[in-house]
Amino acid sequence: MAQILTVASIVALVGLLGWRYADRLFERRHHATGSAGRDHPIEQPPFEQRVYKASAQDFLHGAADLTFGFLILGLGFFMLMWVIATG
């Protein structure tokens, strides 16, 4: 049963991502080749993006938060599998 739920969850996630981003992908592909099939340069509006320079302390706090987040998710998944296996 757990394998079926896992496969169904993965298929649902891929379907949702495909449904959400397919239009952008096909639109980008259409603009790249043009309507006549010839290659045209893609016109992109100029924009400026500021580069965020994090301090070492910010980086370490973020890395620690990410590590503990994965640890908590891993333990939760382990407990779920334990309950399913022994329940």
PDB file of N, CA and C in Angstrom:
ATOM      1  N   MET A   1       0.819  -1.196   0.000  1.00  0.00           N
ATOM      2  CA  MET A   1       0.000   0.000   0.000  1.00  0.00           C
ATOM      3  C   MET A   1       0.862   1.260   0.000  1.00  0.00           C
ATOM      4  N   ALA A   2       1.956   1.231   0.780  1.00  0.00           N
ATOM      5  CA  ALA A   2       2.819   2.409   0.849  1.00  0.00           C
ATOM      6  C   ALA A   2       3.473   2.692  -0.499  1.00  0.00           C
ATOM      7  N   GLN A   3       3.813   1.619  -1.238  1.00  0.00           N
ATOM      8  CA  GLN A   3       4.439   1.817  -2.544  1.00  0.00           C
ATOM      9  C   GLN A   3       3.459   2.469  -3.521  1.00  0.00           C
ATOM     10  N   ILE A   4       2.209   2.079  -3.444  1.00  0.00           N
ATOM     11  CA  ILE A   4       1.195   2.659  -4.330  1.00  0.00           C
ATOM     12  C   ILE A   4       1.009   4.141  -4.016  1.00  0.00           C
ATOM     13  N   LEU A   5       0.967   4.472  -2.734  1.00  0.00           N
ATOM     14  CA  LEU A   5       0.832   5.879  -2.353  1.00  0.00           C
ATOM     15  C   LEU A   5       2.038   6.695  -2.781  1.00  0.00           C
ATOM     16  N   THR A   6       3.230   6.118  -2.674  1.00  0.00           N
ATOM     17  CA  THR A   6       4.434   6.826  -3.087  1.00  0.00           C
ATOM     18  C   THR A   6       4.411   7.091  -4.587  1.00  0.00           C
ATOM     19  N   VAL A   7       4.097   6.073  -5.374  1.00  0.00           N
ATOM     20  CA  VAL A   7       4.039   6.240  -6.829  1.00  0.00           C
ATOM     21  C   VAL A   7       2.955   7.235  -7.209  1.00  0.00           C
ATOM     22  N   ALA A   8       1.800   7.160  -6.566  1.00  0.00           N
ATOM     23  CA  ALA A   8       0.713   8.103  -6.867  1.00  0.00           C
ATOM     24  C   ALA A   8       1.113   9.528  -6.507  1.00  0.00           C
ATOM     25  N   SER A   9       1.839   9.694  -5.404  1.00  0.00           N
ATOM     26  CA  SER A   9       2.285  11.032  -5.013  1.00  0.00           C
ATOM     27  C   SER A   9       3.279  11.597  -6.014  1.00  0.00           C
ATOM     28  N   ILE A  10       4.204  10.782  -6.467  1.00  0.00           N
ATOM     29  CA  ILE A  10       5.207  11.237  -7.443  1.00  0.00           C
ATOM     30  C   ILE A  10       4.528  11.589  -8.760  1.00  0.00           C
ATOM     31  N   VAL A  11       3.614  10.753  -9.210  1.00  0.00           N
ATOM     32  CA  VAL A  11       2.899  11.039 -10.463  1.00  0.00           C
ATOM     33  C   VAL A  11       2.084  12.325 -10.337  1.00  0.00           C
ATOM     34  N   ALA A  12       1.439  12.525  -9.193  1.00  0.00           N
ATOM     35  CA  ALA A  12       0.656  13.743  -8.991  1.00  0.00           C
ATOM     36  C   ALA A  12       1.556  14.968  -8.979  1.00  0.00           C
ATOM     37  N   LEU A  13       2.722  14.867  -8.339  1.00  0.00           N
ATOM     38  CA  LEU A  13       3.649  15.999  -8.295  1.00  0.00           C
ATOM     39  C   LEU A  13       4.168  16.340  -9.679  1.00  0.00           C
ATOM     40  N   VAL A  14       4.562  15.336 -10.447  1.00  0.00           N
ATOM     41  CA  VAL A  14       5.049  15.582 -11.812  1.00  0.00           C
ATOM     42  C   VAL A  14       3.935  16.173 -12.677  1.00  0.00           C
ATOM     43  N   GLY A  15       2.727  15.653 -12.528  1.00  0.00           N
ATOM     44  CA  GLY A  15       1.608  16.202 -13.296  1.00  0.00           C
ATOM     45  C   GLY A  15       1.315  17.647 -12.940  1.00  0.00           C
ATOM     46  N   LEU A  16       1.363  17.965 -11.644  1.00  0.00           N
ATOM     47  CA  LEU A  16       1.115  19.331 -11.209  1.00  0.00           C
ATOM     48  C   LEU A  16       2.189  20.282 -11.732  1.00  0.00           C
ATOM     49  N   LEU A  17       3.448  19.874 -11.632  1.00  0.00           N
ATOM     50  CA  LEU A  17       4.532  20.730 -12.135  1.00  0.00           C
ATOM     51  C   LEU A  17       4.447  20.888 -13.648  1.00  0.00           C
ATOM     52  N   GLY A  18       4.131  19.803 -14.347  1.00  0.00           N
ATOM     53  CA  GLY A  18       3.985  19.887 -15.794  1.00  0.00           C
ATOM     54  C   GLY A  18       2.839  20.787 -16.199  1.00  0.00           C
ATOM     55  N   TRP A  19       1.720  20.686 -15.483  1.00  0.00           N
ATOM     56  CA  TRP A  19       0.557  21.524 -15.786  1.00  0.00           C
ATOM     57  C   TRP A  19       0.859  22.991 -15.520  1.00  0.00           C
ATOM     58  N   ARG A  20       1.652  23.254 -14.479  1.00  0.00           N
ATOM     59  CA  ARG A  20       1.930  24.634 -14.111  1.00  0.00           C
ATOM     60  C   ARG A  20       2.952  25.292 -15.036  1.00  0.00           C
ATOM     61  N   TYR A  21       3.997  24.566 -15.441  1.00  0.00           N
ATOM     62  CA  TYR A  21       5.100  25.177 -16.176  1.00  0.00           C
ATOM     63  C   TYR A  21       5.138  24.836 -17.657  1.00  0.00           C
ATOM     64  N   ALA A  22       4.217  24.025 -18.162  1.00  0.00           N
ATOM     65  CA  ALA A  22       4.251  23.629 -19.571  1.00  0.00           C
ATOM     66  C   ALA A  22       4.032  24.823 -20.496  1.00  0.00           C
ATOM     67  N   ASP A  23       3.127  25.712 -20.138  1.00  0.00           N
ATOM     68  CA  ASP A  23       2.852  26.865 -20.996  1.00  0.00           C
ATOM     69  C   ASP A  23       4.085  27.736 -21.162  1.00  0.00           C
ATOM     70  N   ARG A  24       4.802  27.969 -20.086  1.00  0.00           N
ATOM     71  CA  ARG A  24       6.008  28.788 -20.180  1.00  0.00           C
ATOM     72  C   ARG A  24       7.065  28.122 -21.048  1.00  0.00           C
ATOM     73  N   LEU A  25       7.204  26.813 -20.913  1.00  0.00           N
ATOM     74  CA  LEU A  25       8.203  26.091 -21.687  1.00  0.00           C
ATOM     75  C   LEU A  25       7.882  26.154 -23.170  1.00  0.00           C
ATOM     76  N   PHE A  26       6.626  25.897 -23.546  1.00  0.00           N
ATOM     77  CA  PHE A  26       6.245  25.925 -24.953  1.00  0.00           C
ATOM     78  C   PHE A  26       6.284  27.346 -25.505  1.00  0.00           C
ATOM     79  N   GLU A  27       5.943  28.325 -24.694  1.00  0.00           N
ATOM     80  CA  GLU A  27       6.003  29.710 -25.145  1.00  0.00           C
ATOM     81  C   GLU A  27       7.446  30.126 -25.409  1.00  0.00           C
ATOM     82  N   ARG A  28       8.343  29.741 -24.536  1.00  0.00           N
ATOM     83  CA  ARG A  28       9.765  30.058 -24.713  1.00  0.00           C
ATOM     84  C   ARG A  28      10.299  29.372 -25.962  1.00  0.00           C
ATOM     85  N   ARG A  29       9.877  28.124 -26.196  1.00  0.00           N
ATOM     86  CA  ARG A  29      10.329  27.399 -27.370  1.00  0.00           C
ATOM     87  C   ARG A  29       9.798  28.051 -28.640  1.00  0.00           C
ATOM     88  N   HIS A  30       8.558  28.520 -28.608  1.00  0.00           N
ATOM     89  CA  HIS A  30       7.957  29.161 -29.767  1.00  0.00           C
ATOM     90  C   HIS A  30       8.669  30.471 -30.089  1.00  0.00           C
ATOM     91  N   HIS A  31       9.002  31.264 -29.076  1.00  0.00           N
ATOM     92  CA  HIS A  31       9.697  32.524 -29.313  1.00  0.00           C
ATOM     93  C   HIS A  31      11.117  32.300 -29.806  1.00  0.00           C
ATOM     94  N   ALA A  32      11.744  31.224 -29.419  1.00  0.00           N
ATOM     95  CA  ALA A  32      13.130  30.982 -29.825  1.00  0.00           C
ATOM     96  C   ALA A  32      13.212  30.646 -31.301  1.00  0.00           C
ATOM     97  N   THR A  33      12.257  29.881 -31.839  1.00  0.00           N
ATOM     98  CA  THR A  33      12.330  29.500 -33.243  1.00  0.00           C
ATOM     99  C   THR A  33      11.585  30.474 -34.145  1.00  0.00           C
ATOM    100  N   GLY A  34      10.648  31.212 -33.615  1.00  0.00           N
ATOM    101  CA  GLY A  34       9.874  32.134 -34.439  1.00  0.00           C
ATOM    102  C   GLY A  34       8.782  31.404 -35.174  1.00  0.00           C
ATOM    103  N   SER A  35       7.942  32.140 -35.848  1.00  0.00           N
ATOM    104  CA  SER A  35       6.805  31.525 -36.533  1.00  0.00           C
ATOM    105  C   SER A  35       7.211  30.873 -37.847  1.00  0.00           C
ATOM    106  N   ALA A  36       8.305  31.337 -38.475  1.00  0.00           N
ATOM    107  CA  ALA A  36       8.729  30.778 -39.758  1.00  0.00           C
ATOM    108  C   ALA A  36       9.739  29.652 -39.578  1.00  0.00           C
ATOM    109  N   GLY A  37      10.111  29.329 -38.370  1.00  0.00           N
ATOM    110  CA  GLY A  37      11.045  28.241 -38.136  1.00  0.00           C
ATOM    111  C   GLY A  37      12.499  28.685 -38.144  1.00  0.00           C
ATOM    112  N   ARG A  38      12.749  29.967 -38.411  1.00  0.00           N
ATOM    113  CA  ARG A  38      14.124  30.468 -38.411  1.00  0.00           C
ATOM    114  C   ARG A  38      14.470  30.905 -37.003  1.00  0.00           C
ATOM    115  N   ASP A  39      15.753  30.860 -36.701  1.00  0.00           N
ATOM    116  CA  ASP A  39      16.201  31.285 -35.380  1.00  0.00           C
ATOM    117  C   ASP A  39      16.221  32.802 -35.283  1.00  0.00           C
ATOM    118  N   HIS A  40      15.601  33.303 -34.243  1.00  0.00           N
ATOM    119  CA  HIS A  40      15.590  34.727 -33.956  1.00  0.00           C
ATOM    120  C   HIS A  40      16.139  34.916 -32.560  1.00  0.00           C
ATOM    121  N   PRO A  41      16.885  35.969 -32.344  1.00  0.00           N
ATOM    122  CA  PRO A  41      17.359  36.195 -30.971  1.00  0.00           C
ATOM    123  C   PRO A  41      16.191  36.535 -30.054  1.00  0.00           C
ATOM    124  N   ILE A  42      16.267  36.041 -28.855  1.00  0.00           N
ATOM    125  CA  ILE A  42      15.221  36.306 -27.878  1.00  0.00           C
ATOM    126  C   ILE A  42      15.465  37.681 -27.273  1.00  0.00           C
ATOM    127  N   GLU A  43      14.448  38.528 -27.356  1.00  0.00           N
ATOM    128  CA  GLU A  43      14.574  39.863 -26.773  1.00  0.00           C
ATOM    129  C   GLU A  43      14.165  39.785 -25.309  1.00  0.00           C
ATOM    130  N   GLN A  44      15.101  40.116 -24.460  1.00  0.00           N
ATOM    131  CA  GLN A  44      14.817  40.106 -23.037  1.00  0.00           C
ATOM    132  C   GLN A  44      14.925  41.522 -22.504  1.00  0.00           C
ATOM    133  N   PRO A  45      13.964  41.908 -21.697  1.00  0.00           N
ATOM    134  CA  PRO A  45      14.042  43.251 -21.128  1.00  0.00           C
ATOM    135  C   PRO A  45      15.221  43.340 -20.162  1.00  0.00           C
ATOM    136  N   PRO A  46      15.930  44.444 -20.199  1.00  0.00           N
ATOM    137  CA  PRO A  46      17.056  44.574 -19.269  1.00  0.00           C
ATOM    138  C   PRO A  46      16.549  44.747 -17.841  1.00  0.00           C
ATOM    139  N   PHE A  47      17.213  44.106 -16.931  1.00  0.00           N
ATOM    140  CA  PHE A  47      16.868  44.257 -15.533  1.00  0.00           C
ATOM    141  C   PHE A  47      18.138  44.134 -14.703  1.00  0.00           C
ATOM    142  N   GLU A  48      18.082  44.731 -13.580  1.00  0.00           N
ATOM    143  CA  GLU A  48      19.209  44.671 -12.663  1.00  0.00           C
ATOM    144  C   GLU A  48      18.799  43.885 -11.442  1.00  0.00           C
ATOM    145  N   GLN A  49      19.659  42.983 -11.044  1.00  0.00           N
ATOM    146  CA  GLN A  49      19.394  42.191  -9.863  1.00  0.00           C
ATOM    147  C   GLN A  49      20.565  42.379  -8.909  1.00  0.00           C
ATOM    148  N   ARG A  50      20.232  42.822  -7.724  1.00  0.00           N
ATOM    149  CA  ARG A  50      21.280  43.041  -6.740  1.00  0.00           C
ATOM    150  C   ARG A  50      21.762  41.707  -6.208  1.00  0.00           C
ATOM    151  N   VAL A  51      23.050  41.588  -6.053  1.00  0.00           N
ATOM    152  CA  VAL A  51      23.630  40.368  -5.517  1.00  0.00           C
ATOM    153  C   VAL A  51      23.690  40.492  -4.008  1.00  0.00           C
ATOM    154  N   TYR A  52      23.077  39.512  -3.336  1.00  0.00           N
ATOM    155  CA  TYR A  52      23.073  39.519  -1.882  1.00  0.00           C
ATOM    156  C   TYR A  52      24.342  38.841  -1.390  1.00  0.00           C
ATOM    157  N   LYS A  53      25.094  39.538  -0.609  1.00  0.00           N
ATOM    158  CA  LYS A  53      26.325  38.980  -0.050  1.00  0.00           C
ATOM    159  C   LYS A  53      26.080  38.693   1.419  1.00  0.00           C
ATOM    160  N   ALA A  54      25.963  37.415   1.739  1.00  0.00           N
ATOM    161  CA  ALA A  54      25.681  37.007   3.105  1.00  0.00           C
ATOM    162  C   ALA A  54      26.973  36.926   3.902  1.00  0.00           C
ATOM    163  N   SER A  55      26.857  37.247   5.181  1.00  0.00           N
ATOM    164  CA  SER A  55      28.009  37.093   6.060  1.00  0.00           C
ATOM    165  C   SER A  55      28.182  35.614   6.385  1.00  0.00           C
ATOM    166  N   ALA A  56      29.318  35.273   6.953  1.00  0.00           N
ATOM    167  CA  ALA A  56      29.573  33.881   7.322  1.00  0.00           C
ATOM    168  C   ALA A  56      28.571  33.412   8.369  1.00  0.00           C
ATOM    169  N   GLN A  57      28.185  34.304   9.259  1.00  0.00           N
ATOM    170  CA  GLN A  57      27.228  33.935  10.296  1.00  0.00           C
ATOM    171  C   GLN A  57      25.865  33.612   9.682  1.00  0.00           C
ATOM    172  N   ASP A  58      25.421  34.420   8.730  1.00  0.00           N
ATOM    173  CA  ASP A  58      24.150  34.145   8.052  1.00  0.00           C
ATOM    174  C   ASP A  58      24.205  32.817   7.304  1.00  0.00           C
ATOM    175  N   PHE A  59      25.341  32.565   6.650  1.00  0.00           N
ATOM    176  CA  PHE A  59      25.495  31.315   5.908  1.00  0.00           C
ATOM    177  C   PHE A  59      25.424  30.110   6.844  1.00  0.00           C
ATOM    178  N   LEU A  60      26.132  30.194   7.968  1.00  0.00           N
ATOM    179  CA  LEU A  60      26.137  29.072   8.907  1.00  0.00           C
ATOM    180  C   LEU A  60      24.771  28.857   9.547  1.00  0.00           C
ATOM    181  N   HIS A  61      24.062  29.945   9.843  1.00  0.00           N
ATOM    182  CA  HIS A  61      22.702  29.799  10.388  1.00  0.00           C
ATOM    183  C   HIS A  61      21.783  29.144   9.363  1.00  0.00           C
ATOM    184  N   GLY A  62      21.897  29.547   8.119  1.00  0.00           N
ATOM    185  CA  GLY A  62      21.081  28.938   7.070  1.00  0.00           C
ATOM    186  C   GLY A  62      21.412  27.474   6.868  1.00  0.00           C
ATOM    187  N   ALA A  63      22.704  27.144   6.881  1.00  0.00           N
ATOM    188  CA  ALA A  63      23.107  25.746   6.720  1.00  0.00           C
ATOM    189  C   ALA A  63      22.618  24.901   7.888  1.00  0.00           C
ATOM    190  N   ALA A  64      22.695  25.442   9.097  1.00  0.00           N
ATOM    191  CA  ALA A  64      22.222  24.700  10.268  1.00  0.00           C
ATOM    192  C   ALA A  64      20.704  24.513  10.206  1.00  0.00           C
ATOM    193  N   ASP A  65      19.973  25.546   9.804  1.00  0.00           N
ATOM    194  CA  ASP A  65      18.518  25.426   9.677  1.00  0.00           C
ATOM    195  C   ASP A  65      18.143  24.370   8.636  1.00  0.00           C
ATOM    196  N   LEU A  66      18.853  24.373   7.515  1.00  0.00           N
ATOM    197  CA  LEU A  66      18.592  23.387   6.472  1.00  0.00           C
ATOM    198  C   LEU A  66      18.884  21.976   6.973  1.00  0.00           C
ATOM    199  N   THR A  67      19.988  21.816   7.692  1.00  0.00           N
ATOM    200  CA  THR A  67      20.350  20.502   8.219  1.00  0.00           C
ATOM    201  C   THR A  67      19.309  19.998   9.202  1.00  0.00           C
ATOM    202  N   PHE A  68      18.898  20.846  10.138  1.00  0.00           N
ATOM    203  CA  PHE A  68      17.887  20.427  11.103  1.00  0.00           C
ATOM    204  C   PHE A  68      16.537  20.176  10.435  1.00  0.00           C
ATOM    205  N   GLY A  69      16.224  20.925   9.402  1.00  0.00           N
ATOM    206  CA  GLY A  69      14.986  20.673   8.667  1.00  0.00           C
ATOM    207  C   GLY A  69      14.984  19.304   8.022  1.00  0.00           C
ATOM    208  N   PHE A  70      16.097  18.945   7.363  1.00  0.00           N
ATOM    209  CA  PHE A  70      16.193  17.620   6.772  1.00  0.00           C
ATOM    210  C   PHE A  70      16.174  16.535   7.840  1.00  0.00           C
ATOM    211  N   LEU A  71      16.790  16.786   8.960  1.00  0.00           N
ATOM    212  CA  LEU A  71      16.795  15.823  10.057  1.00  0.00           C
ATOM    213  C   LEU A  71      15.377  15.579  10.571  1.00  0.00           C
ATOM    214  N   ILE A  72      14.628  16.637  10.776  1.00  0.00           N
ATOM    215  CA  ILE A  72      13.251  16.507  11.256  1.00  0.00           C
ATOM    216  C   ILE A  72      12.380  15.790  10.226  1.00  0.00           C
ATOM    217  N   LEU A  73      12.536  16.151   8.948  1.00  0.00           N
ATOM    218  CA  LEU A  73      11.760  15.460   7.912  1.00  0.00           C
ATOM    219  C   LEU A  73      12.133  13.988   7.825  1.00  0.00           C
ATOM    220  N   GLY A  74      13.422  13.684   7.935  1.00  0.00           N
ATOM    221  CA  GLY A  74      13.870  12.293   7.894  1.00  0.00           C
ATOM    222  C   GLY A  74      13.334  11.486   9.051  1.00  0.00           C
ATOM    223  N   LEU A  75      13.366  12.056  10.245  1.00  0.00           N
ATOM    224  CA  LEU A  75      12.829  11.346  11.404  1.00  0.00           C
ATOM    225  C   LEU A  75      11.312  11.143  11.281  1.00  0.00           C
ATOM    226  N   GLY A  76      10.622  12.150  10.769  1.00  0.00           N
ATOM    227  CA  GLY A  76       9.187  12.002  10.563  1.00  0.00           C
ATOM    228  C   GLY A  76       8.866  10.910   9.559  1.00  0.00           C
ATOM    229  N   PHE A  77       9.634  10.853   8.475  1.00  0.00           N
ATOM    230  CA  PHE A  77       9.429   9.808   7.471  1.00  0.00           C
ATOM    231  C   PHE A  77       9.734   8.435   8.069  1.00  0.00           C
ATOM    232  N   PHE A  78      10.818   8.346   8.843  1.00  0.00           N
ATOM    233  CA  PHE A  78      11.168   7.085   9.490  1.00  0.00           C
ATOM    234  C   PHE A  78      10.062   6.633  10.437  1.00  0.00           C
ATOM    235  N   MET A  79       9.515   7.556  11.213  1.00  0.00           N
ATOM    236  CA  MET A  79       8.437   7.195  12.137  1.00  0.00           C
ATOM    237  C   MET A  79       7.191   6.752  11.373  1.00  0.00           C
ATOM    238  N   LEU A  80       6.884   7.417  10.274  1.00  0.00           N
ATOM    239  CA  LEU A  80       5.732   7.023   9.462  1.00  0.00           C
ATOM    240  C   LEU A  80       5.917   5.618   8.910  1.00  0.00           C
ATOM    241  N   MET A  81       7.101   5.321   8.395  1.00  0.00           N
ATOM    242  CA  MET A  81       7.352   3.990   7.867  1.00  0.00           C
ATOM    243  C   MET A  81       7.321   2.943   8.974  1.00  0.00           C
ATOM    244  N   TRP A  82       7.789   3.311  10.154  1.00  0.00           N
ATOM    245  CA  TRP A  82       7.764   2.401  11.292  1.00  0.00           C
ATOM    246  C   TRP A  82       6.321   2.052  11.694  1.00  0.00           C
ATOM    247  N   VAL A  83       5.476   3.066  11.725  1.00  0.00           N
ATOM    248  CA  VAL A  83       4.074   2.836  12.078  1.00  0.00           C
ATOM    249  C   VAL A  83       3.389   1.985  11.024  1.00  0.00           C
ATOM    250  N   ILE A  84       3.686   2.250   9.753  1.00  0.00           N
ATOM    251  CA  ILE A  84       3.076   1.461   8.686  1.00  0.00           C
ATOM    252  C   ILE A  84       3.548   0.007   8.762  1.00  0.00           C
ATOM    253  N   ALA A  85       4.839  -0.205   9.029  1.00  0.00           N
ATOM    254  CA  ALA A  85       5.389  -1.560   9.035  1.00  0.00           C
ATOM    255  C   ALA A  85       4.930  -2.370  10.244  1.00  0.00           C
ATOM    256  N   THR A  86       4.788  -1.714  11.380  1.00  0.00           N
ATOM    257  CA  THR A  86       4.454  -2.456  12.599  1.00  0.00           C
ATOM    258  C   THR A  86       2.989  -2.367  12.975  1.00  0.00           C
ATOM    259  N   GLY A  87       2.251  -1.512  12.275  1.00  0.00           N
ATOM    260  CA  GLY A  87       0.858  -1.258  12.653  1.00  0.00           C
ATOM    261  C   GLY A  87      -0.030  -2.361  12.252  1.00  0.00           C
TER     262      GLY A  87
END
